[in-house]
C-alpha atoms as a PDB file:
ATOM      1  CA  MET A   1       0.000   0.000   0.000  1.00  0.00           C
ATOM      2  CA  ALA A   2       1.194   3.493  -0.760  1.00  0.00           C
ATOM      3  CA  THR A   3       2.556   5.621   1.992  1.00  0.00           C
ATOM      4  CA  MET A   4       0.132   8.137   3.317  1.00  0.00           C
ATOM      5  CA  ARG A   5       1.086  11.723   3.030  1.00  0.00           C
ATOM      6  CA  THR A   6       1.419  13.602   6.239  1.00  0.00           C
ATOM      7  CA  ALA A   7      -0.368  16.603   4.748  1.00  0.00           C
ATOM      8  CA  THR A   8      -3.460  14.434   4.205  1.00  0.00           C
ATOM      9  CA  LEU A   9      -3.373  13.214   7.786  1.00  0.00           C
ATOM     10  CA  GLU A  10      -2.890  16.778   9.124  1.00  0.00           C
ATOM     11  CA  LEU A  11      -5.807  17.990   7.041  1.00  0.00           C
ATOM     12  CA  LEU A  12      -8.080  15.351   8.510  1.00  0.00           C
ATOM     13  CA  GLU A  13      -6.849  16.086  12.060  1.00  0.00           C
ATOM     14  CA  ARG A  14      -7.556  19.815  11.552  1.00  0.00           C
ATOM     15  CA  ALA A  15     -11.117  18.807  10.806  1.00  0.00           C
ATOM     16  CA  LYS A  16     -11.081  17.636  14.444  1.00  0.00           C
ATOM     17  CA  LEU A  17     -11.308  14.002  13.629  1.00  0.00           C
ATOM     18  CA  PRO A  18      -9.646  11.626  16.065  1.00  0.00           C
ATOM     19  CA  THR A  19      -6.302  10.353  14.828  1.00  0.00           C
ATOM     20  CA  GLU A  20      -7.514   6.766  14.379  1.00  0.00           C
ATOM     21  CA  GLN A  21     -10.525   7.884  12.372  1.00  0.00           C
ATOM     22  CA  ALA A  22      -8.412  10.295  10.271  1.00  0.00           C
ATOM     23  CA  LEU A  23      -5.887   7.523   9.667  1.00  0.00           C
ATOM     24  CA  ALA A  24      -8.635   5.051   8.705  1.00  0.00           C
ATOM     25  CA  LEU A  25     -10.305   7.584   6.419  1.00  0.00           C
ATOM     26  CA  ALA A  26      -7.019   8.469   4.695  1.00  0.00           C
ATOM     27  CA  GLN A  27      -6.200   4.789   4.229  1.00  0.00           C
ATOM     28  CA  ALA A  28      -9.664   4.121   2.809  1.00  0.00           C
ATOM     29  CA  ILE A  29      -9.222   6.963   0.310  1.00  0.00           C
ATOM     30  CA  GLU A  30      -5.775   5.669  -0.663  1.00  0.00           C
ATOM     31  CA  LEU A  31      -7.147   2.164  -1.137  1.00  0.00           C
ATOM     32  CA  GLU A  32      -9.923   3.455  -3.393  1.00  0.00           C
ATOM     33  CA  VAL A  33      -7.495   5.539  -5.408  1.00  0.00           C
ATOM     34  CA  ALA A  34      -5.116   2.582  -5.712  1.00  0.00           C
ATOM     35  CA  SER A  35      -7.904   0.244  -6.818  1.00  0.00           C
ATOM     36  CA  GLN A  36      -9.113   2.729  -9.387  1.00  0.00           C
ATOM     37  CA  ARG A  37      -5.647   3.446 -10.847  1.00  0.00           C
ATOM     38  CA  GLU A  38      -6.024   0.650 -13.346  1.00  0.00           C
ATOM     39  CA  ALA A  39      -9.290   2.174 -14.560  1.00  0.00           C
ATOM     40  CA  MET A  40      -7.793   5.674 -14.724  1.00  0.00           C
ATOM     41  CA  VAL A  41      -6.376   7.013 -17.958  1.00  0.00           C
ATOM     42  CA  THR A  42      -2.709   7.863 -17.807  1.00  0.00           C
ATOM     43  CA  ARG A  43      -0.590  10.233 -19.835  1.00  0.00           C
ATOM     44  CA  SER A  44       0.867   7.291 -21.755  1.00  0.00           C
ATOM     45  CA  ASP A  45      -2.681   6.226 -22.661  1.00  0.00           C
ATOM     46  CA  PHE A  46      -3.302   9.707 -24.049  1.00  0.00           C
ATOM     47  CA  LEU A  47      -0.038   9.632 -25.986  1.00  0.00           C
ATOM     48  CA  GLU A  48      -0.901   6.207 -27.394  1.00  0.00           C
ATOM     49  CA  LEU A  49      -4.341   7.456 -28.488  1.00  0.00           C
ATOM     50  CA  ARG A  50      -2.708  10.545 -29.934  1.00  0.00           C
ATOM     51  CA  GLY A  51      -0.429   8.341 -32.062  1.00  0.00           C
ATOM     52  CA  GLU A  52      -3.417   6.274 -33.259  1.00  0.00           C
ATOM     53  CA  PHE A  53      -5.355   9.410 -34.155  1.00  0.00           C
ATOM     54  CA  ARG A  54      -2.383  10.781 -36.055  1.00  0.00           C
ATOM     55  CA  SER A  55      -2.005   7.522 -37.985  1.00  0.00           C
ATOM     56  CA  GLU A  56      -5.692   7.622 -38.855  1.00  0.00           C
ATOM     57  CA  LEU A  57      -5.585  11.351 -39.558  1.00  0.00           C
ATOM     58  CA  GLY A  58      -3.149  10.973 -42.482  1.00  0.00           C
ATOM     59  CA  PRO A  59      -5.554   9.042 -44.751  1.00  0.00           C
ATOM     60  CA  LEU A  60      -8.375  11.327 -43.680  1.00  0.00           C
ATOM     61  CA  LYS A  61      -6.329  14.379 -44.671  1.00  0.00           C
ATOM     62  CA  THR A  62      -5.611  12.721 -48.018  1.00  0.00           C
ATOM     63  CA  ASP A  63      -9.311  11.994 -48.480  1.00  0.00           C
ATOM     64  CA  VAL A  64     -10.222  15.587 -47.569  1.00  0.00           C
ATOM     65  CA  ALA A  65      -7.624  16.909 -50.028  1.00  0.00           C
ATOM     66  CA  GLY A  66      -9.087  14.644 -52.716  1.00  0.00           C
ATOM     67  CA  LEU A  67     -12.583  15.880 -51.889  1.00  0.00           C
ATOM     68  CA  LYS A  68     -11.376  19.493 -52.048  1.00  0.00           C
ATOM     69  CA  ALA A  69      -9.883  18.797 -55.479  1.00  0.00           C
ATOM     70  CA  ASP A  70     -13.150  17.183 -56.580  1.00  0.00           C
ATOM     71  CA  VAL A  71     -15.115  20.170 -55.291  1.00  0.00           C
ATOM     72  CA  SER A  72     -12.774  22.555 -57.121  1.00  0.00           C
ATOM     73  CA  GLU A  73     -13.188  20.536 -60.299  1.00  0.00           C
ATOM     74  CA  LEU A  74     -16.950  20.482 -59.798  1.00  0.00           C
ATOM     75  CA  LYS A  75     -16.947  24.254 -59.282  1.00  0.00           C
ATOM     76  CA  ALA A  76     -14.991  24.685 -62.516  1.00  0.00           C
ATOM     77  CA  ASP A  77     -17.484  22.423 -64.290  1.00  0.00           C
ATOM     78  CA  VAL A  78     -20.384  24.465 -62.893  1.00  0.00           C
ATOM     79  CA  VAL A  79     -18.732  27.699 -64.048  1.00  0.00           C
ATOM     80  CA  GLN A  80     -18.224  26.181 -67.519  1.00  0.00           C
ATOM     81  CA  LEU A  81     -21.819  24.941 -67.520  1.00  0.00           C
ATOM     82  CA  LYS A  82     -23.054  28.413 -66.600  1.00  0.00           C
ATOM     83  CA  ALA A  83     -20.991  29.886 -69.444  1.00  0.00           C
ATOM     84  CA  ASP A  84     -22.397  27.261 -71.814  1.00  0.00           C
ATOM     85  CA  VAL A  85     -25.950  28.096 -70.698  1.00  0.00           C
ATOM     86  CA  VAL A  86     -25.318  31.807 -71.271  1.00  0.00           C
ATOM     87  CA  GLN A  87     -23.908  31.039 -74.736  1.00  0.00           C
ATOM     88  CA  LEU A  88     -26.864  28.755 -75.444  1.00  0.00           C
ATOM     89  CA  LYS A  89     -29.279  31.517 -74.458  1.00  0.00           C
ATOM     90  CA  ALA A  90     -27.454  33.919 -76.774  1.00  0.00           C
ATOM     91  CA  ASP A  91     -27.556  31.344 -79.578  1.00  0.00           C
ATOM     92  CA  VAL A  92     -31.284  30.774 -79.023  1.00  0.00           C
ATOM     93  CA  SER A  93     -31.910  34.527 -79.108  1.00  0.00           C
ATOM     94  CA  GLU A  94     -29.898  34.797 -82.319  1.00  0.00           C
ATOM     95  CA  LEU A  95     -31.787  31.845 -83.777  1.00  0.00           C
ATOM     96  CA  LYS A  96     -35.106  33.481 -82.870  1.00  0.00           C
ATOM     97  CA  ALA A  97     -33.982  36.680 -84.579  1.00  0.00           C
ATOM     98  CA  ASP A  98     -32.904  34.685 -87.648  1.00  0.00           C
ATOM     99  CA  MET A  99     -36.257  32.862 -87.688  1.00  0.00           C
ATOM    100  CA  SER A 100     -38.117  36.188 -87.496  1.00  0.00           C
ATOM    101  CA  GLU A 101     -35.999  37.517 -90.367  1.00  0.00           C
ATOM    102  CA  LEU A 102     -36.651  34.341 -92.337  1.00  0.00           C
ATOM    103  CA  LYS A 103     -40.408  34.636 -91.737  1.00  0.00           C
ATOM    104  CA  ARG A 104     -40.317  38.249 -92.948  1.00  0.00           C
ATOM    105  CA  GLY A 105     -38.307  37.103 -95.963  1.00  0.00           C
ATOM    106  CA  PHE A 106     -40.869  34.394 -96.771  1.00  0.00           C
ATOM    107  CA  ALA A 107     -43.722  36.889 -96.369  1.00  0.00           C
ATOM    108  CA  GLN A 108     -41.917  39.299 -98.706  1.00  0.00           C
ATOM    109  CA  LEU A 109     -41.256  36.454-101.144  1.00  0.00           C
ATOM    110  CA  GLY A 110     -44.963  35.573-101.083  1.00  0.00           C
ATOM    111  CA  ASN A 111     -45.851  39.199-101.817  1.00  0.00           C
ATOM    112  CA  ASP A 112     -43.209  39.350-104.554  1.00  0.00           C
ATOM    113  CA  MET A 113     -44.525  36.125-106.090  1.00  0.00           C
ATOM    114  CA  LEU A 114     -48.050  37.556-106.202  1.00  0.00           C
ATOM    115  CA  GLU A 115     -46.687  40.689-107.841  1.00  0.00           C
ATOM    116  CA  TRP A 116     -44.609  38.629-110.300  1.00  0.00           C
ATOM    117  CA  LYS A 117     -47.624  36.467-111.051  1.00  0.00           C
ATOM    118  CA  SER A 118     -49.614  39.586-111.924  1.00  0.00           C
ATOM    119  CA  GLU A 119     -46.730  40.900-114.033  1.00  0.00           C
ATOM    120  CA  ILE A 120     -46.389  37.517-115.800  1.00  0.00           C
ATOM    121  CA  ARG A 121     -50.106  37.532-116.560  1.00  0.00           C
ATOM    122  CA  VAL A 122     -49.830  41.011-118.034  1.00  0.00           C
ATOM    123  CA  GLU A 123     -46.759  39.968-120.031  1.00  0.00           C
ATOM    124  CA  MET A 124     -48.461  36.787-121.248  1.00  0.00           C
ATOM    125  CA  HIS A 125     -51.525  38.801-122.252  1.00  0.00           C
ATOM    126  CA  ALA A 126     -49.294  41.218-124.156  1.00  0.00           C
ATOM    127  CA  ILE A 127     -47.444  38.304-125.841  1.00  0.00           C
ATOM    128  CA  LYS A 128     -50.760  36.706-126.760  1.00  0.00           C
ATOM    129  CA  ALA A 129     -52.028  39.979-128.257  1.00  0.00           C
ATOM    130  CA  GLU A 130     -48.750  40.388-130.177  1.00  0.00           C
ATOM    131  CA  LEU A 131     -48.984  36.791-131.407  1.00  0.00           C
ATOM    132  CA  VAL A 132     -52.555  37.344-132.576  1.00  0.00           C
ATOM    133  CA  ARG A 133     -51.418  40.483-134.437  1.00  0.00           C
ATOM    134  CA  TRP A 134     -48.613  38.535-136.098  1.00  0.00           C
ATOM    135  CA  VAL A 135     -50.974  35.728-137.044  1.00  0.00           C
ATOM    136  CA  PHE A 136     -53.379  38.217-138.599  1.00  0.00           C
ATOM    137  CA  THR A 137     -50.508  40.006-140.315  1.00  0.00           C
ATOM    138  CA  VAL A 138     -49.225  36.728-141.739  1.00  0.00           C
ATOM    139  CA  MET A 139     -52.737  35.750-142.800  1.00  0.00           C
ATOM    140  CA  LEU A 140     -53.225  39.156-144.380  1.00  0.00           C
ATOM    141  CA  GLY A 141     -49.899  38.819-146.187  1.00  0.00           C
ATOM    142  CA  GLN A 142     -50.827  35.327-147.432  1.00  0.00           C
ATOM    143  CA  THR A 143     -54.204  36.593-148.549  1.00  0.00           C
ATOM    144  CA  ALA A 144     -52.507  39.471-150.381  1.00  0.00           C
ATOM    145  CA  VAL A 145     -50.090  37.035-152.070  1.00  0.00           C
ATOM    146  CA  LEU A 146     -52.959  34.748-153.063  1.00  0.00           C
ATOM    147  CA  LEU A 147     -55.048  37.628-154.357  1.00  0.00           C
ATOM    148  CA  GLY A 148     -52.014  39.064-156.220  1.00  0.00           C
ATOM    149  CA  GLY A 149     -51.263  35.645-157.717  1.00  0.00           C
ATOM    150  CA  GLY A 150     -54.929  35.145-158.639  1.00  0.00           C
ATOM    151  CA  TYR A 151     -55.054  38.616-160.239  1.00  0.00           C
ATOM    152  CA  PHE A 152     -51.887  37.816-162.185  1.00  0.00           C
ATOM    153  CA  ILE A 153     -53.294  34.521-163.384  1.00  0.00           C
ATOM    154  CA  LEU A 154     -56.647  36.065-164.218  1.00  0.00           C
ATOM    155  CA  SER A 155     -55.025  38.939-166.058  1.00  0.00           C
ATOM    156  CA  LEU A 156     -53.055  36.439-168.172  1.00  0.00           C
ATOM    157  CA  LEU A 157     -56.130  34.391-168.916  1.00  0.00           C
ATOM    158  CA  VAL A 158     -58.342  37.322-169.752  1.00  0.00           C
ATOM    159  CA  ALA A 159     -55.905  38.956-171.979  1.00  0.00           C
END
């Protein structure tokens, strides 16, 4: 058993306990402390746990660093995705503008085609009228040739 400290015994005697009771009480406390020493954590236990934590902390630090790198990469991907979305929105706006322009162009083409159709009809009517004039002119010329030839033949026969 451990030796009792005299300061402990003096403290108990100052509390006006009889010496035998103070001695018994101090011994009982020492016995309890001694029996509980095995259950108590010592500095070496803490140092041993500290070493275990450090050995386990290394892989955890590596994992955290890997996660940080993954998060950084993910952030870069998100930034790129945001830029792609902005570009896509700009492209869609440009496409809408092009579609509007194309619709206006088709509407103008439809109007132009109606105008051209009217002009073609007028031109065709003019060509038809010119063709009829030429046909009548040719017929008139043939009639004149036939009448001239008939007059010539008749004038030879009558003479």
